[in-house]
């Protein structure tokens, strides 16, 4: 089975919504907000939304943001979300999505790629990432 990787397009919205809904654990994703955010991300020059697909459907995605920081004297790329459908895991699809994000980060002049995870640490170590810091959060939204 051939896997195609490409930048997301507007026609991917429903399938990405389905995948993102399965990824989210802290918030319940609603379709109306998702649609607005999806549209904004497609037009955000500081975001990359990469799709993995078979001939029949979207099976994974990665979302990364790129921003300037003082501590790196340049740009940092932050992987916010990555998800591969359960039936397609173990086929290097997540690895390929990360490689594409890393290449896009390099092309932007990023000094590093970073992310937070609590479920996939071994995956990231296997593809060359080092554990670096604790992750703290404070939820501000009232409608989770």
C-alpha atoms as a PDB file:
ATOM      1  CA  UNK A   1       0.000   0.000   0.000  1.00  0.00           C
ATOM      2  CA  UNK A   2       1.427   3.341  -1.035  1.00  0.00           C
ATOM      3  CA  UNK A   3       1.375   6.245   1.422  1.00  0.00           C
ATOM      4  CA  UNK A   4       1.331   9.793   0.063  1.00  0.00           C
ATOM      5  CA  UNK A   5       2.529  12.774   2.127  1.00  0.00           C
ATOM      6  CA  UNK A   6       1.469  16.322   1.327  1.00  0.00           C
ATOM      7  CA  UNK A   7       0.375  19.621   2.784  1.00  0.00           C
ATOM      8  CA  UNK A   8      -3.219  19.673   3.985  1.00  0.00           C
ATOM      9  CA  UNK A   9      -5.947  21.169   1.813  1.00  0.00           C
ATOM     10  CA  UNK A  10      -9.479  22.320   2.574  1.00  0.00           C
ATOM     11  CA  UNK A  11     -11.006  19.024   1.385  1.00  0.00           C
ATOM     12  CA  UNK A  12      -9.146  17.201   4.200  1.00  0.00           C
ATOM     13  CA  UNK A  13     -11.121  18.934   6.956  1.00  0.00           C
ATOM     14  CA  UNK A  14     -13.564  16.147   7.834  1.00  0.00           C
ATOM     15  CA  UNK A  15     -10.957  13.394   7.873  1.00  0.00           C
ATOM     16  CA  UNK A  16      -8.493  15.422   9.939  1.00  0.00           C
ATOM     17  CA  UNK A  17     -11.328  16.274  12.340  1.00  0.00           C
ATOM     18  CA  UNK A  18     -11.936  12.550  12.846  1.00  0.00           C
ATOM     19  CA  UNK A  19      -8.250  11.891  13.571  1.00  0.00           C
ATOM     20  CA  UNK A  20      -7.855  14.937  15.833  1.00  0.00           C
ATOM     21  CA  UNK A  21     -10.919  13.836  17.809  1.00  0.00           C
ATOM     22  CA  UNK A  22      -9.184  10.522  18.533  1.00  0.00           C
ATOM     23  CA  UNK A  23      -5.978  12.281  19.593  1.00  0.00           C
ATOM     24  CA  UNK A  24      -7.504  14.764  22.016  1.00  0.00           C
ATOM     25  CA  UNK A  25      -7.639  13.676  25.653  1.00  0.00           C
ATOM     26  CA  UNK A  26      -7.724  16.965  27.558  1.00  0.00           C
ATOM     27  CA  UNK A  27     -10.329  18.761  25.450  1.00  0.00           C
ATOM     28  CA  UNK A  28     -13.406  17.693  23.529  1.00  0.00           C
ATOM     29  CA  UNK A  29     -13.071  18.952  19.970  1.00  0.00           C
ATOM     30  CA  UNK A  30     -16.189  20.488  18.463  1.00  0.00           C
ATOM     31  CA  UNK A  31     -16.744  20.723  14.720  1.00  0.00           C
ATOM     32  CA  UNK A  32     -17.525  24.455  14.530  1.00  0.00           C
ATOM     33  CA  UNK A  33     -14.344  25.561  16.301  1.00  0.00           C
ATOM     34  CA  UNK A  34     -12.311  22.945  14.455  1.00  0.00           C
ATOM     35  CA  UNK A  35     -13.525  24.248  11.065  1.00  0.00           C
ATOM     36  CA  UNK A  36     -12.418  27.802  11.894  1.00  0.00           C
ATOM     37  CA  UNK A  37      -9.053  26.670  13.226  1.00  0.00           C
ATOM     38  CA  UNK A  38      -8.456  24.341  10.273  1.00  0.00           C
ATOM     39  CA  UNK A  39      -9.117  27.148   7.807  1.00  0.00           C
ATOM     40  CA  UNK A  40      -6.827  29.513   9.723  1.00  0.00           C
ATOM     41  CA  UNK A  41      -4.032  26.939   9.827  1.00  0.00           C
ATOM     42  CA  UNK A  42      -4.163  26.408   6.073  1.00  0.00           C
ATOM     43  CA  UNK A  43      -3.408  30.126   5.662  1.00  0.00           C
ATOM     44  CA  UNK A  44      -0.885  30.504   8.505  1.00  0.00           C
ATOM     45  CA  UNK A  45       2.627  31.019   7.109  1.00  0.00           C
ATOM     46  CA  UNK A  46       4.073  29.962  10.484  1.00  0.00           C
ATOM     47  CA  UNK A  47       2.296  26.594  10.542  1.00  0.00           C
ATOM     48  CA  UNK A  48       2.757  23.333   8.668  1.00  0.00           C
ATOM     49  CA  UNK A  49      -0.046  20.779   8.543  1.00  0.00           C
ATOM     50  CA  UNK A  50       1.163  17.624   6.801  1.00  0.00           C
ATOM     51  CA  UNK A  51      -1.141  14.788   5.754  1.00  0.00           C
ATOM     52  CA  UNK A  52      -0.397  11.082   5.303  1.00  0.00           C
ATOM     53  CA  UNK A  53      -2.930   9.360   3.073  1.00  0.00           C
ATOM     54  CA  UNK A  54      -3.671   6.166   1.228  1.00  0.00           C
ATOM     55  CA  UNK A  55      -5.637   6.195  -2.004  1.00  0.00           C
ATOM     56  CA  UNK A  56      -8.799   5.947   0.058  1.00  0.00           C
ATOM     57  CA  UNK A  57      -8.346   8.183   3.091  1.00  0.00           C
ATOM     58  CA  UNK A  58      -6.273  10.384   5.386  1.00  0.00           C
ATOM     59  CA  UNK A  59      -4.521   8.116   7.896  1.00  0.00           C
ATOM     60  CA  UNK A  60      -2.330  10.586   9.773  1.00  0.00           C
ATOM     61  CA  UNK A  61      -1.249  14.170  10.198  1.00  0.00           C
ATOM     62  CA  UNK A  62       1.361  16.345  11.855  1.00  0.00           C
ATOM     63  CA  UNK A  63       0.901  19.975  12.895  1.00  0.00           C
ATOM     64  CA  UNK A  64       3.910  22.169  13.637  1.00  0.00           C
ATOM     65  CA  UNK A  65       4.383  25.866  14.390  1.00  0.00           C
ATOM     66  CA  UNK A  66       7.514  27.912  13.819  1.00  0.00           C
ATOM     67  CA  UNK A  67       8.346  30.962  15.933  1.00  0.00           C
ATOM     68  CA  UNK A  68      11.268  33.149  16.908  1.00  0.00           C
ATOM     69  CA  UNK A  69      12.928  32.825  20.305  1.00  0.00           C
ATOM     70  CA  UNK A  70      15.661  34.672  22.154  1.00  0.00           C
ATOM     71  CA  UNK A  71      17.245  31.589  23.702  1.00  0.00           C
ATOM     72  CA  UNK A  72      18.078  29.988  20.330  1.00  0.00           C
ATOM     73  CA  UNK A  73      18.955  33.220  18.561  1.00  0.00           C
ATOM     74  CA  UNK A  74      16.425  32.261  15.937  1.00  0.00           C
ATOM     75  CA  UNK A  75      13.495  30.070  15.054  1.00  0.00           C
ATOM     76  CA  UNK A  76      12.174  27.082  16.965  1.00  0.00           C
ATOM     77  CA  UNK A  77       9.752  24.590  15.440  1.00  0.00           C
ATOM     78  CA  UNK A  78       7.205  23.098  17.831  1.00  0.00           C
ATOM     79  CA  UNK A  79       5.290  19.927  16.927  1.00  0.00           C
ATOM     80  CA  UNK A  80       1.889  20.498  18.459  1.00  0.00           C
ATOM     81  CA  UNK A  81       0.072  17.391  17.229  1.00  0.00           C
ATOM     82  CA  UNK A  82       0.914  14.182  15.425  1.00  0.00           C
ATOM     83  CA  UNK A  83      -1.450  11.267  14.980  1.00  0.00           C
ATOM     84  CA  UNK A  84      -1.467   8.073  12.920  1.00  0.00           C
ATOM     85  CA  UNK A  85      -4.571   5.858  12.762  1.00  0.00           C
ATOM     86  CA  UNK A  86      -4.241   2.783  14.922  1.00  0.00           C
ATOM     87  CA  UNK A  87      -4.310   0.320  12.030  1.00  0.00           C
ATOM     88  CA  UNK A  88      -1.387   2.039  10.312  1.00  0.00           C
ATOM     89  CA  UNK A  89       1.013   2.348  13.246  1.00  0.00           C
ATOM     90  CA  UNK A  90       4.349   0.548  13.119  1.00  0.00           C
ATOM     91  CA  UNK A  91       4.821   1.299   9.410  1.00  0.00           C
ATOM     92  CA  UNK A  92       7.120   4.338   9.826  1.00  0.00           C
ATOM     93  CA  UNK A  93       4.314   6.774   8.929  1.00  0.00           C
ATOM     94  CA  UNK A  94       4.864   8.837  12.100  1.00  0.00           C
ATOM     95  CA  UNK A  95       8.606   8.768  11.445  1.00  0.00           C
ATOM     96  CA  UNK A  96       8.071  10.052   7.895  1.00  0.00           C
ATOM     97  CA  UNK A  97       5.696  12.796   9.101  1.00  0.00           C
ATOM     98  CA  UNK A  98       8.372  13.911  11.585  1.00  0.00           C
ATOM     99  CA  UNK A  99      11.052  13.837   8.879  1.00  0.00           C
ATOM    100  CA  UNK A 100       8.924  16.124   6.720  1.00  0.00           C
ATOM    101  CA  UNK A 101       8.374  18.517   9.647  1.00  0.00           C
ATOM    102  CA  UNK A 102      12.133  18.473  10.355  1.00  0.00           C
ATOM    103  CA  UNK A 103      12.929  19.265   6.710  1.00  0.00           C
ATOM    104  CA  UNK A 104      10.445  22.127   6.708  1.00  0.00           C
ATOM    105  CA  UNK A 105      12.002  23.375   9.964  1.00  0.00           C
ATOM    106  CA  UNK A 106      15.484  23.249   8.434  1.00  0.00           C
ATOM    107  CA  UNK A 107      14.253  25.145   5.383  1.00  0.00           C
ATOM    108  CA  UNK A 108      12.880  27.839   7.709  1.00  0.00           C
ATOM    109  CA  UNK A 109      16.225  28.079   9.515  1.00  0.00           C
ATOM    110  CA  UNK A 110      14.964  26.529  12.739  1.00  0.00           C
ATOM    111  CA  UNK A 111      17.568  25.796  15.379  1.00  0.00           C
ATOM    112  CA  UNK A 112      15.594  22.929  16.911  1.00  0.00           C
ATOM    113  CA  UNK A 113      12.387  20.937  16.780  1.00  0.00           C
ATOM    114  CA  UNK A 114      10.618  20.337  20.098  1.00  0.00           C
ATOM    115  CA  UNK A 115       7.396  18.765  21.361  1.00  0.00           C
ATOM    116  CA  UNK A 116       5.649  17.541  24.479  1.00  0.00           C
ATOM    117  CA  UNK A 117       4.341  14.005  24.882  1.00  0.00           C
ATOM    118  CA  UNK A 118       3.169  11.711  27.605  1.00  0.00           C
ATOM    119  CA  UNK A 119       2.331   8.660  25.538  1.00  0.00           C
ATOM    120  CA  UNK A 120       5.000   8.324  22.852  1.00  0.00           C
ATOM    121  CA  UNK A 121       8.355   8.987  24.495  1.00  0.00           C
ATOM    122  CA  UNK A 122       9.934   5.776  23.195  1.00  0.00           C
ATOM    123  CA  UNK A 123       8.902   6.645  19.621  1.00  0.00           C
ATOM    124  CA  UNK A 124      10.613  10.042  19.794  1.00  0.00           C
ATOM    125  CA  UNK A 125      13.752   8.600  21.393  1.00  0.00           C
ATOM    126  CA  UNK A 126      13.896   6.012  18.594  1.00  0.00           C
ATOM    127  CA  UNK A 127      13.945   8.767  15.944  1.00  0.00           C
ATOM    128  CA  UNK A 128      16.670  10.778  17.645  1.00  0.00           C
ATOM    129  CA  UNK A 129      14.930  13.065  20.145  1.00  0.00           C
ATOM    130  CA  UNK A 130      16.262  13.634  23.652  1.00  0.00           C
ATOM    131  CA  UNK A 131      14.144  14.135  26.739  1.00  0.00           C
ATOM    132  CA  UNK A 132      14.732  17.717  27.814  1.00  0.00           C
ATOM    133  CA  UNK A 133      12.290  19.333  30.244  1.00  0.00           C
ATOM    134  CA  UNK A 134       9.114  18.933  32.238  1.00  0.00           C
ATOM    135  CA  UNK A 135       5.874  20.171  30.733  1.00  0.00           C
ATOM    136  CA  UNK A 136       3.532  22.370  32.747  1.00  0.00           C
ATOM    137  CA  UNK A 137       0.101  23.640  31.790  1.00  0.00           C
ATOM    138  CA  UNK A 138      -2.688  25.760  33.159  1.00  0.00           C
ATOM    139  CA  UNK A 139      -6.085  25.335  31.546  1.00  0.00           C
ATOM    140  CA  UNK A 140      -7.808  28.654  30.905  1.00  0.00           C
ATOM    141  CA  UNK A 141     -10.752  27.505  28.794  1.00  0.00           C
ATOM    142  CA  UNK A 142     -14.004  26.923  30.619  1.00  0.00           C
ATOM    143  CA  UNK A 143     -15.677  24.762  27.976  1.00  0.00           C
ATOM    144  CA  UNK A 144     -13.476  21.699  27.848  1.00  0.00           C
END
